[in-house]
Amino acid sequence: MAGEALAAAEALAAEGIEVEVIDPRTLLPLDLETILASVRRTNRLVVAYEAVPHCGFGAAIAAAVQHDLDAPIERVGRRSNRSR
């Protein structure tokens, strides 16, 4: 997923949009301070991961930093296999 995030960052940079990509590498321990420092600088957060976007670590990260943001958090994950 880090490769896709870096490619997206390059594409956005070509449009004049600067982003930071953080690849925490481990969830336990989670380097939450690095994530919070980025959120404080950018006031934005997109959590992208390969799992479905609900009930996973992305939701936990979003919950941990939501109080520091003025904008909604975006979570991007894979499609659920369940039909609706």
Protein backbone atom coordinates (compact mmCIF):
# COMPACT_ATOMS: atom_id res chain seq x y z
CA MET A 1 0.00 0.00 0.00
CA ALA A 2 2.93 2.35 0.63
CA GLY A 3 3.87 2.20 -3.05
CA GLU A 4 0.36 3.20 -4.10
CA ALA A 5 0.35 6.04 -1.55
CA LEU A 6 3.68 7.36 -2.84
CA ALA A 7 2.42 7.19 -6.44
CA ALA A 8 -0.71 9.11 -5.42
CA ALA A 9 1.47 11.69 -3.67
CA GLU A 10 3.51 12.16 -6.86
CA ALA A 11 0.35 12.57 -8.94
CA LEU A 12 -1.00 15.13 -6.48
CA ALA A 13 2.33 16.98 -6.43
CA ALA A 14 2.05 17.37 -10.21
CA GLU A 15 -1.23 19.19 -9.52
CA GLY A 16 0.40 21.43 -6.91
CA ILE A 17 -0.99 19.52 -3.90
CA GLU A 18 1.57 18.63 -1.25
CA VAL A 19 0.97 15.52 0.87
CA GLU A 20 2.88 13.57 3.49
CA VAL A 21 2.97 9.78 3.33
CA ILE A 22 3.50 7.92 6.57
CA ASP A 23 4.05 4.16 6.56
CA PRO A 24 3.93 3.18 10.24
CA ARG A 25 5.32 -0.34 9.55
CA THR A 26 3.97 -1.67 12.83
CA LEU A 27 0.61 -1.37 14.51
CA LEU A 28 1.92 -2.43 17.90
CA PRO A 29 3.55 -0.23 18.90
CA LEU A 30 1.89 2.37 16.68
CA ASP A 31 3.93 5.52 16.15
CA LEU A 32 0.94 7.72 16.87
CA GLU A 33 3.11 10.76 17.60
CA THR A 34 4.41 10.81 14.01
CA ILE A 35 0.84 10.63 12.71
CA LEU A 36 -0.32 13.36 15.10
CA ALA A 37 2.61 15.60 14.14
CA SER A 38 1.62 15.31 10.47
CA VAL A 39 -2.03 16.00 11.29
CA ARG A 40 -1.01 19.11 13.22
CA ARG A 41 1.03 20.34 10.22
CA THR A 42 -1.52 19.54 7.51
CA ASN A 43 -4.84 19.53 9.39
CA ARG A 44 -5.88 16.60 7.18
CA LEU A 45 -5.80 12.81 7.28
CA VAL A 46 -6.45 10.06 4.78
CA VAL A 47 -5.97 6.52 6.09
CA ALA A 48 -5.43 4.03 3.26
CA TYR A 49 -5.10 0.32 3.85
CA GLU A 50 -5.82 -2.98 2.14
CA ALA A 51 -8.53 -4.16 4.53
CA VAL A 52 -12.18 -3.12 4.42
CA PRO A 53 -12.51 0.43 5.77
CA HIS A 54 -14.69 -0.33 8.80
CA CYS A 55 -13.76 -1.93 12.13
CA GLY A 56 -10.04 -2.09 11.40
CA PHE A 57 -6.86 -0.33 12.37
CA GLY A 58 -7.74 2.60 10.10
CA ALA A 59 -10.80 3.25 12.22
CA ALA A 60 -8.63 3.16 15.33
CA ILE A 61 -6.17 5.65 13.85
CA ALA A 62 -9.01 7.93 12.77
CA ALA A 63 -10.52 7.81 16.27
CA ALA A 64 -7.16 8.63 17.84
CA VAL A 65 -6.64 11.82 15.84
CA GLN A 66 -10.13 13.09 15.03
CA HIS A 67 -10.10 15.70 17.79
CA ASP A 68 -7.10 17.45 16.14
CA LEU A 69 -8.81 18.02 12.77
CA ASP A 70 -11.01 20.69 11.25
CA ALA A 71 -11.88 18.50 8.27
CA PRO A 72 -13.37 15.01 8.00
CA ILE A 73 -11.05 12.02 7.93
CA GLU A 74 -11.10 9.90 4.78
CA ARG A 75 -10.59 6.16 5.07
CA VAL A 76 -9.81 4.23 1.91
CA GLY A 77 -9.85 0.45 1.90
CA ARG A 78 -10.78 -2.46 -0.29
CA ARG A 79 -14.33 -3.29 -1.21
CA SER A 80 -16.22 -5.61 1.08
CA ASN A 81 -17.06 -9.04 -0.35
CA ARG A 82 -20.56 -8.78 1.06
CA SER A 83 -23.26 -7.79 -1.39
CA ARG A 84 -25.74 -5.12 -0.37
